[in-house]
Amino acid sequence: MKLPKEIVNGILIFAGIALYFLIMEFFGLSKVIYLRMLNAAFVYYGVSRTLQSNFKEGKTGYVSNLLSAGTTAITGVLLSVIGLLTYIYARGGNEYVSNLSGEFLFGGSPTANEYAIGLLFEGIASGVIVVFVAMQLFRSKTAAQD
């Protein structure tokens, strides 16, 4: 059984973000909030792979490509948040969250679940932005009507 390209590229997004996080963790940079902005590059990579694949298959409808790209981004974000939550609980749960950049989102000391929910909203918002940016960049290849 072959997985849909949206899921495969979502898994690639997850793998890129997870590896990036582990490298940041290894070097003690997981508290640096601004380095998290590079996660958008991994999301863009997965989304653009999905769009390029769609265009090669002759799928040029704007709405269908928008939904396909959105599915890719949301899959990557969901897998990343689930992976991070699993990692947090493996490292000590709520005590470990204090090692991360929680004050940026919450202004206090969030629990592991609150941290994950905050990152989920942040990830979905950035994923939507990346999808719309990618759709604008690929706009010349999409059909006006779907």
N, C-alpha and C. Protein backbone atom coordinates (compact mmCIF):
# COMPACT_ATOMS: atom_id res chain seq x y z
N MET A 1 0.84 -1.18 0.00
CA MET A 1 0.00 0.00 0.00
C MET A 1 0.88 1.24 0.00
N LYS A 2 0.63 2.11 -0.94
CA LYS A 2 1.40 3.34 -1.05
C LYS A 2 0.67 4.47 -0.32
N LEU A 3 1.40 5.16 0.54
CA LEU A 3 0.82 6.28 1.26
C LEU A 3 0.63 7.48 0.33
N PRO A 4 -0.41 8.28 0.57
CA PRO A 4 -0.58 9.49 -0.23
C PRO A 4 0.60 10.45 -0.05
N LYS A 5 0.88 11.23 -1.07
CA LYS A 5 2.03 12.14 -1.03
C LYS A 5 1.90 13.15 0.10
N GLU A 6 0.68 13.52 0.46
CA GLU A 6 0.49 14.48 1.55
C GLU A 6 1.00 13.90 2.87
N ILE A 7 0.73 12.62 3.09
CA ILE A 7 1.19 11.97 4.33
C ILE A 7 2.70 11.78 4.29
N VAL A 8 3.23 11.35 3.17
CA VAL A 8 4.68 11.14 3.03
C VAL A 8 5.43 12.45 3.27
N ASN A 9 4.96 13.52 2.65
CA ASN A 9 5.62 14.81 2.84
C ASN A 9 5.40 15.36 4.24
N GLY A 10 4.26 15.05 4.85
CA GLY A 10 4.04 15.41 6.25
C GLY A 10 5.02 14.69 7.16
N ILE A 11 5.31 13.43 6.85
CA ILE A 11 6.30 12.67 7.62
C ILE A 11 7.69 13.27 7.42
N LEU A 12 8.00 13.72 6.20
CA LEU A 12 9.28 14.39 5.95
C LEU A 12 9.40 15.68 6.76
N ILE A 13 8.31 16.43 6.85
CA ILE A 13 8.31 17.64 7.67
C ILE A 13 8.60 17.27 9.12
N PHE A 14 7.90 16.25 9.62
CA PHE A 14 8.12 15.79 10.99
C PHE A 14 9.56 15.37 11.22
N ALA A 15 10.12 14.60 10.29
CA ALA A 15 11.50 14.13 10.44
C ALA A 15 12.47 15.31 10.46
N GLY A 16 12.27 16.28 9.60
CA GLY A 16 13.14 17.46 9.57
C GLY A 16 13.06 18.26 10.85
N ILE A 17 11.84 18.51 11.32
CA ILE A 17 11.66 19.28 12.55
C ILE A 17 12.21 18.51 13.75
N ALA A 18 11.97 17.20 13.80
CA ALA A 18 12.46 16.40 14.93
C ALA A 18 13.98 16.39 14.97
N LEU A 19 14.60 16.19 13.83
CA LEU A 19 16.07 16.18 13.78
C LEU A 19 16.62 17.55 14.16
N TYR A 20 16.01 18.60 13.66
CA TYR A 20 16.43 19.97 13.99
C TYR A 20 16.30 20.21 15.50
N PHE A 21 15.18 19.79 16.09
CA PHE A 21 14.99 19.96 17.53
C PHE A 21 16.04 19.19 18.33
N LEU A 22 16.31 17.96 17.92
CA LEU A 22 17.31 17.16 18.64
C LEU A 22 18.70 17.78 18.54
N ILE A 23 19.03 18.35 17.40
CA ILE A 23 20.32 19.03 17.25
C ILE A 23 20.36 20.27 18.15
N MET A 24 19.27 21.04 18.18
CA MET A 24 19.21 22.20 19.06
C MET A 24 19.31 21.78 20.52
N GLU A 25 18.66 20.70 20.86
CA GLU A 25 18.69 20.18 22.23
C GLU A 25 20.11 19.74 22.60
N PHE A 26 20.79 19.09 21.68
CA PHE A 26 22.16 18.62 21.91
C PHE A 26 23.10 19.78 22.20
N PHE A 27 22.93 20.88 21.48
CA PHE A 27 23.79 22.04 21.67
C PHE A 27 23.26 23.01 22.73
N GLY A 28 22.17 22.65 23.40
CA GLY A 28 21.62 23.49 24.45
C GLY A 28 20.92 24.75 23.96
N LEU A 29 20.40 24.70 22.75
CA LEU A 29 19.77 25.87 22.15
C LEU A 29 18.24 25.78 22.12
N SER A 30 17.66 24.80 22.80
CA SER A 30 16.21 24.62 22.72
C SER A 30 15.45 25.75 23.40
N LYS A 31 16.11 26.55 24.23
CA LYS A 31 15.44 27.69 24.86
C LYS A 31 15.41 28.93 23.96
N VAL A 32 16.20 28.92 22.90
CA VAL A 32 16.27 30.09 22.02
C VAL A 32 15.03 30.10 21.12
N ILE A 33 14.16 31.04 21.40
CA ILE A 33 12.85 31.09 20.74
C ILE A 33 12.99 31.32 19.24
N TYR A 34 13.89 32.19 18.86
CA TYR A 34 13.97 32.61 17.47
C TYR A 34 14.45 31.50 16.54
N LEU A 35 15.13 30.51 17.07
CA LEU A 35 15.57 29.40 16.23
C LEU A 35 14.39 28.53 15.79
N ARG A 36 13.27 28.63 16.52
CA ARG A 36 12.09 27.86 16.14
C ARG A 36 11.49 28.35 14.83
N MET A 37 11.82 29.58 14.44
CA MET A 37 11.28 30.10 13.18
C MET A 37 11.76 29.30 11.98
N LEU A 38 12.89 28.64 12.11
CA LEU A 38 13.40 27.83 11.00
C LEU A 38 12.54 26.61 10.72
N ASN A 39 11.64 26.26 11.66
CA ASN A 39 10.71 25.16 11.41
C ASN A 39 9.88 25.41 10.16
N ALA A 40 9.62 26.68 9.88
CA ALA A 40 8.82 27.03 8.70
C ALA A 40 9.51 26.57 7.42
N ALA A 41 10.83 26.52 7.42
CA ALA A 41 11.57 26.06 6.23
C ALA A 41 11.27 24.59 5.96
N PHE A 42 11.16 23.78 7.01
CA PHE A 42 10.84 22.37 6.83
C PHE A 42 9.41 22.20 6.34
N VAL A 43 8.50 23.02 6.87
CA VAL A 43 7.11 22.96 6.41
C VAL A 43 7.03 23.38 4.95
N TYR A 44 7.74 24.44 4.58
CA TYR A 44 7.73 24.88 3.18
C TYR A 44 8.28 23.80 2.26
N TYR A 45 9.34 23.13 2.68
CA TYR A 45 9.92 22.07 1.86
C TYR A 45 8.88 20.97 1.58
N GLY A 46 8.19 20.51 2.61
CA GLY A 46 7.19 19.46 2.43
C GLY A 46 6.02 19.92 1.57
N VAL A 47 5.57 21.14 1.80
CA VAL A 47 4.44 21.68 1.03
C VAL A 47 4.83 21.85 -0.44
N SER A 48 6.02 22.36 -0.69
CA SER A 48 6.43 22.55 -2.09
C SER A 48 6.62 21.22 -2.80
N ARG A 49 7.08 20.19 -2.07
CA ARG A 49 7.19 18.85 -2.68
C ARG A 49 5.81 18.34 -3.09
N THR A 50 4.82 18.56 -2.24
CA THR A 50 3.46 18.13 -2.56
C THR A 50 2.94 18.87 -3.79
N LEU A 51 3.13 20.18 -3.82
CA LEU A 51 2.65 20.97 -4.96
C LEU A 51 3.36 20.59 -6.25
N GLN A 52 4.66 20.40 -6.19
CA GLN A 52 5.41 19.99 -7.39
C GLN A 52 4.93 18.64 -7.89
N SER A 53 4.65 17.72 -6.98
CA SER A 53 4.15 16.41 -7.36
C SER A 53 2.77 16.53 -8.02
N ASN A 54 1.92 17.37 -7.45
CA ASN A 54 0.60 17.58 -8.03
C ASN A 54 0.70 18.13 -9.45
N PHE A 55 1.59 19.09 -9.67
CA PHE A 55 1.72 19.68 -11.00
C PHE A 55 2.27 18.68 -12.00
N LYS A 56 3.18 17.82 -11.56
CA LYS A 56 3.70 16.77 -12.46
C LYS A 56 2.60 15.79 -12.85
N GLU A 57 1.64 15.58 -11.95
CA GLU A 57 0.52 14.68 -12.22
C GLU A 57 -0.59 15.38 -13.00
N GLY A 58 -0.42 16.65 -13.30
CA GLY A 58 -1.43 17.38 -14.06
C GLY A 58 -2.55 17.96 -13.22
N LYS A 59 -2.41 17.95 -11.91
CA LYS A 59 -3.43 18.52 -11.02
C LYS A 59 -3.12 20.00 -10.84
N THR A 60 -3.89 20.86 -11.51
CA THR A 60 -3.58 22.29 -11.50
C THR A 60 -4.66 23.13 -10.85
N GLY A 61 -5.70 22.52 -10.30
CA GLY A 61 -6.76 23.29 -9.65
C GLY A 61 -6.26 23.99 -8.40
N TYR A 62 -6.64 25.26 -8.24
CA TYR A 62 -6.16 26.04 -7.10
C TYR A 62 -6.65 25.46 -5.78
N VAL A 63 -7.93 25.20 -5.68
CA VAL A 63 -8.50 24.73 -4.42
C VAL A 63 -7.98 23.33 -4.07
N SER A 64 -7.90 22.45 -5.06
CA SER A 64 -7.41 21.10 -4.77
C SER A 64 -5.95 21.14 -4.33
N ASN A 65 -5.14 22.01 -4.92
CA ASN A 65 -3.75 22.14 -4.49
C ASN A 65 -3.65 22.80 -3.12
N LEU A 66 -4.53 23.76 -2.86
CA LEU A 66 -4.56 24.40 -1.54
C LEU A 66 -4.88 23.38 -0.46
N LEU A 67 -5.87 22.54 -0.70
CA LEU A 67 -6.24 21.50 0.27
C LEU A 67 -5.13 20.46 0.42
N SER A 68 -4.51 20.09 -0.67
CA SER A 68 -3.42 19.12 -0.63
C SER A 68 -2.24 19.67 0.16
N ALA A 69 -1.88 20.93 -0.09
CA ALA A 69 -0.78 21.56 0.64
C ALA A 69 -1.13 21.72 2.11
N GLY A 70 -2.38 22.09 2.39
CA GLY A 70 -2.82 22.23 3.78
C GLY A 70 -2.78 20.92 4.53
N THR A 71 -3.19 19.85 3.87
CA THR A 71 -3.13 18.52 4.49
C THR A 71 -1.69 18.13 4.81
N THR A 72 -0.78 18.45 3.92
CA THR A 72 0.63 18.16 4.14
C THR A 72 1.14 18.91 5.36
N ALA A 73 0.86 20.21 5.42
CA ALA A 73 1.35 21.04 6.54
C ALA A 73 0.75 20.58 7.86
N ILE A 74 -0.55 20.34 7.89
CA ILE A 74 -1.20 19.93 9.14
C ILE A 74 -0.70 18.57 9.59
N THR A 75 -0.47 17.65 8.66
CA THR A 75 0.08 16.34 9.01
C THR A 75 1.45 16.50 9.67
N GLY A 76 2.30 17.31 9.07
CA GLY A 76 3.63 17.54 9.64
C GLY A 76 3.57 18.17 11.01
N VAL A 77 2.69 19.15 11.18
CA VAL A 77 2.56 19.83 12.48
C VAL A 77 2.02 18.87 13.53
N LEU A 78 0.98 18.12 13.20
CA LEU A 78 0.42 17.17 14.17
C LEU A 78 1.44 16.13 14.61
N LEU A 79 2.15 15.55 13.65
CA LEU A 79 3.16 14.56 14.00
C LEU A 79 4.27 15.17 14.84
N SER A 80 4.65 16.40 14.55
CA SER A 80 5.71 17.07 15.30
C SER A 80 5.29 17.34 16.74
N VAL A 81 4.05 17.79 16.93
CA VAL A 81 3.57 18.06 18.28
C VAL A 81 3.44 16.76 19.07
N ILE A 82 2.94 15.71 18.43
CA ILE A 82 2.84 14.41 19.11
C ILE A 82 4.23 13.90 19.47
N GLY A 83 5.17 14.04 18.55
CA GLY A 83 6.55 13.62 18.83
C GLY A 83 7.17 14.41 19.96
N LEU A 84 6.96 15.73 19.97
CA LEU A 84 7.51 16.56 21.04
C LEU A 84 6.88 16.21 22.38
N LEU A 85 5.58 15.99 22.41
CA LEU A 85 4.90 15.63 23.65
C LEU A 85 5.43 14.30 24.18
N THR A 86 5.64 13.35 23.29
CA THR A 86 6.22 12.07 23.68
C THR A 86 7.62 12.27 24.25
N TYR A 87 8.41 13.11 23.60
CA TYR A 87 9.78 13.40 24.05
C TYR A 87 9.76 14.09 25.42
N ILE A 88 8.84 15.03 25.61
CA ILE A 88 8.74 15.73 26.89
C ILE A 88 8.44 14.75 28.01
N TYR A 89 7.47 13.85 27.79
CA TYR A 89 7.14 12.88 28.84
C TYR A 89 8.26 11.88 29.06
N ALA A 90 9.00 11.55 28.02
CA ALA A 90 10.14 10.64 28.18
C ALA A 90 11.27 11.29 28.98
N ARG A 91 11.36 12.62 28.91
CA ARG A 91 12.42 13.35 29.61
C ARG A 91 12.01 13.86 30.99
N GLY A 92 10.81 13.55 31.44
CA GLY A 92 10.43 13.95 32.79
C GLY A 92 9.13 14.71 32.90
N GLY A 93 8.44 14.89 31.82
CA GLY A 93 7.12 15.52 31.86
C GLY A 93 7.16 17.01 32.14
N ASN A 94 6.32 17.43 33.09
CA ASN A 94 6.16 18.85 33.37
C ASN A 94 7.45 19.51 33.85
N GLU A 95 8.30 18.77 34.53
CA GLU A 95 9.57 19.33 34.98
C GLU A 95 10.47 19.68 33.79
N TYR A 96 10.41 18.87 32.77
CA TYR A 96 11.25 19.11 31.59
C TYR A 96 10.78 20.33 30.80
N VAL A 97 9.49 20.63 30.84
CA VAL A 97 8.96 21.77 30.08
C VAL A 97 9.63 23.07 30.52
N SER A 98 10.04 23.15 31.77
CA SER A 98 10.71 24.37 32.24
C SER A 98 12.04 24.59 31.52
N ASN A 99 12.61 23.54 30.91
CA ASN A 99 13.85 23.69 30.14
C ASN A 99 13.60 24.26 28.75
N LEU A 100 12.35 24.25 28.32
CA LEU A 100 12.01 24.74 26.98
C LEU A 100 11.58 26.20 27.07
N SER A 101 11.29 26.79 25.95
CA SER A 101 10.96 28.22 25.89
C SER A 101 9.48 28.46 26.14
N GLY A 102 8.98 28.05 27.29
CA GLY A 102 7.57 28.17 27.60
C GLY A 102 7.11 29.58 27.89
N GLU A 103 7.98 30.43 28.41
CA GLU A 103 7.57 31.78 28.75
C GLU A 103 7.18 32.60 27.52
N PHE A 104 7.63 32.19 26.34
CA PHE A 104 7.28 32.91 25.12
C PHE A 104 5.80 32.81 24.83
N LEU A 105 5.25 31.62 24.92
CA LEU A 105 3.84 31.40 24.59
C LEU A 105 2.91 31.71 25.75
N PHE A 106 3.34 31.44 26.96
CA PHE A 106 2.41 31.40 28.06
C PHE A 106 2.66 32.44 29.14
N GLY A 107 3.87 32.94 29.26
CA GLY A 107 4.17 33.91 30.28
C GLY A 107 4.27 33.33 31.67
N GLY A 108 4.27 32.06 31.82
CA GLY A 108 4.35 31.42 33.11
C GLY A 108 5.06 30.09 33.00
N SER A 109 4.58 29.14 33.76
CA SER A 109 5.17 27.80 33.69
C SER A 109 4.08 26.81 33.27
N PRO A 110 3.98 26.54 31.98
CA PRO A 110 2.93 25.66 31.47
C PRO A 110 3.21 24.19 31.79
N THR A 111 2.15 23.41 31.77
CA THR A 111 2.31 21.96 31.87
C THR A 111 2.70 21.43 30.49
N ALA A 112 3.03 20.16 30.43
CA ALA A 112 3.42 19.56 29.15
C ALA A 112 2.27 19.63 28.14
N ASN A 113 1.06 19.35 28.60
CA ASN A 113 -0.09 19.39 27.69
C ASN A 113 -0.39 20.81 27.22
N GLU A 114 -0.30 21.79 28.12
CA GLU A 114 -0.52 23.18 27.72
C GLU A 114 0.54 23.63 26.71
N TYR A 115 1.76 23.21 26.95
CA TYR A 115 2.84 23.55 26.03
C TYR A 115 2.57 22.95 24.64
N ALA A 116 2.13 21.69 24.62
CA ALA A 116 1.85 21.03 23.34
C ALA A 116 0.68 21.69 22.62
N ILE A 117 -0.36 22.06 23.35
CA ILE A 117 -1.51 22.72 22.73
C ILE A 117 -1.10 24.08 22.17
N GLY A 118 -0.29 24.82 22.91
CA GLY A 118 0.21 26.10 22.42
C GLY A 118 1.02 25.94 21.15
N LEU A 119 1.89 24.94 21.14
CA LEU A 119 2.69 24.68 19.94
C LEU A 119 1.83 24.19 18.78
N LEU A 120 0.76 23.47 19.09
CA LEU A 120 -0.15 23.02 18.03
C LEU A 120 -0.78 24.23 17.34
N PHE A 121 -1.28 25.19 18.14
CA PHE A 121 -1.87 26.39 17.55
C PHE A 121 -0.83 27.20 16.78
N GLU A 122 0.35 27.34 17.37
CA GLU A 122 1.43 28.06 16.69
C GLU A 122 1.81 27.37 15.38
N GLY A 123 1.90 26.05 15.41
CA GLY A 123 2.26 25.28 14.22
C GLY A 123 1.21 25.35 13.13
N ILE A 124 -0.05 25.26 13.53
CA ILE A 124 -1.13 25.35 12.54
C ILE A 124 -1.15 26.74 11.90
N ALA A 125 -0.98 27.78 12.72
CA ALA A 125 -0.97 29.14 12.18
C ALA A 125 0.19 29.33 11.21
N SER A 126 1.37 28.88 11.59
CA SER A 126 2.51 29.04 10.68
C SER A 126 2.35 28.14 9.45
N GLY A 127 1.74 26.97 9.62
CA GLY A 127 1.49 26.09 8.49
C GLY A 127 0.55 26.72 7.47
N VAL A 128 -0.50 27.37 7.96
CA VAL A 128 -1.45 28.05 7.07
C VAL A 128 -0.75 29.18 6.32
N ILE A 129 0.08 29.93 7.02
CA ILE A 129 0.82 31.02 6.37
C ILE A 129 1.74 30.46 5.28
N VAL A 130 2.47 29.39 5.61
CA VAL A 130 3.38 28.78 4.64
C VAL A 130 2.61 28.27 3.42
N VAL A 131 1.46 27.66 3.66
CA VAL A 131 0.65 27.14 2.55
C VAL A 131 0.23 28.28 1.62
N PHE A 132 -0.25 29.38 2.18
CA PHE A 132 -0.68 30.49 1.33
C PHE A 132 0.49 31.14 0.61
N VAL A 133 1.64 31.23 1.27
CA VAL A 133 2.83 31.77 0.59
C VAL A 133 3.23 30.85 -0.56
N ALA A 134 3.24 29.55 -0.31
CA ALA A 134 3.60 28.59 -1.37
C ALA A 134 2.60 28.65 -2.52
N MET A 135 1.32 28.79 -2.20
CA MET A 135 0.32 28.88 -3.26
C MET A 135 0.52 30.14 -4.10
N GLN A 136 0.94 31.22 -3.48
CA GLN A 136 1.22 32.43 -4.25
C GLN A 136 2.44 32.24 -5.14
N LEU A 137 3.45 31.56 -4.63
CA LEU A 137 4.65 31.32 -5.43
C LEU A 137 4.37 30.38 -6.59
N PHE A 138 3.44 29.44 -6.39
CA PHE A 138 3.11 28.48 -7.44
C PHE A 138 1.88 28.91 -8.24
N ARG A 139 1.39 30.12 -8.01
CA ARG A 139 0.13 30.57 -8.60
C ARG A 139 0.11 30.50 -10.12
N SER A 140 1.23 30.76 -10.74
CA SER A 140 1.26 30.74 -12.21
C SER A 140 1.00 29.35 -12.77
N LYS A 141 1.14 28.33 -11.94
CA LYS A 141 0.93 26.95 -12.41
C LYS A 141 -0.48 26.43 -12.12
N THR A 142 -1.27 27.18 -11.35
CA THR A 142 -2.60 26.70 -10.99
C THR A 142 -3.65 27.27 -11.92
N ALA A 143 -4.72 26.53 -12.06
CA ALA A 143 -5.85 26.98 -12.88
C ALA A 143 -6.70 27.95 -12.07
N ALA A 144 -7.36 28.86 -12.76
CA ALA A 144 -8.18 29.87 -12.08
C ALA A 144 -9.39 29.25 -11.40
N GLN A 145 -10.00 28.26 -12.00
CA GLN A 145 -11.15 27.61 -11.40
C GLN A 145 -10.80 26.17 -11.06
N ASP A 146 -11.57 25.62 -10.16
CA ASP A 146 -11.28 24.25 -9.70
C ASP A 146 -12.44 23.34 -10.00
